[in-house]
Amino acid sequence: MSALRDQFAIESAAQAGLVMTIVVIPGVFLALPAGFIADKYGVKRIGVLSTVLTTVGGLVTAAADSFTALLLGRLILGVGAAFLVTVLPVVIPQWFTREELGKAMGFYRTNMPVATIAAFITASVLMREFSNWRFPFYVGVVIAGTAIVVFALFVTEGPFKKAQSGQKVPVGRALRSVELWKAGIVWLLFQVTAISFLSWAPSLFHAYKSLDLVSGSALASVLMLTAIPSVPLFGWVSDNMQRRKPFLMAGSFLMALALVSSAYTMSLGLVVSVAFLGFAAAMVPAIVSALPPEILELEVVGIGFGVMAVCLNIGVALAAPLFGYFFDVTKSLELSFVGVAVFSAVGGMVASTIKRK
């Protein structure tokens, strides 16, 4: 962000925040239409369009010569991502049975931590070698362009979804599902909790826990590192047990406990608390992602994942400013962490009421 500030004379925190958040705003408004289109016309068309938009958005961002062009590129990128995030999980229940969804979703949900860690490493190396903020975006354009080819050639509808393109989709029936919205709320509150921690922990650990910025960032990243092996593991265990609710409840409540512990511990205790936070957080993504096809009929599961994507994007957009508000009001790391922990605990209470078909 510092390189972008210098390049485009970004002086206010509001402008800097807009650059970061504009990419998630389209997801709030477009995820439901994306799910509807996926249900009605299939995932291939909208998936290819999504990857094309992502590539174009990355290219416009990399070539931007003004703040307006930078925002435009980020907005296009966000539109492509909004469709892609909704469409990709729709394919999974078309290929895997109910008894296999935990494992499949567990493997799928490792994409975020793996991609995030890879992006940070790649961007850091490229910035160090070339001292040019545009290079990481050009690399992203190449990767997104490759995704167009992969999607066009290899992604197809699964054997459990062979409906005619253009079929009538009962949108209202899906949107009236109370259980679906409960799952969405759990997902939203999870995002608020996890993204708040990832956004603020490095700087607060530096200011209040006597860690340098590198060590603070490394410690915060344990949340992502723990997820890579643990998310598929919990998906597999939930399949074997054929239980989802206990994992959502345990993950949400234990995240709240780990956040409170992280607020009040130092040194080894802090490391253990953050590692436990990552372990607890790994219980949620695969499990909550397996719920839409278990709550809804397969013909409207795109709408279900659209609802989940809307909730995800709202949670991501709210997380950092909400935590910032807590900190501005309390001027306390401990009270701010406790405040965010309440959201996770509420997620656990909502999860306890979810019913599957």
Foldseek 3Di string as FASTA:
>chain_A
DVVVCVQAVDDDPVLVLLLVQLLLVLLLVCLLVLLVLCLQANLLVLLLVLLVLLLQLLVQCLPDNYSVSNSVSSNSNSNSVSNNLLRVLLQVCQADPLLCLLLSQLQVVLVVLVVVVVLVVVQVVCCVVPVGNSVSSVVVSVVSVVSSVCSNPPDDHHNNDDDDRRDDFPLVVLVPQPLLVLLLLLLLLLLLLLLLLLVPQLVCCVVPQVDPSVVSNVLSSLLSVLLNVQLSVLSNVCSVVVDQLVLSLQLLLQLLVLLLQCQPDYDPSNSVSSNSNSNSSSSRRSSSSSALVQADPSSSSSSSSSSNSSSNSVSNSCRNVVLVVQCVVPVGSNRSSNVSSVSSNVSSVSSNPRDTD
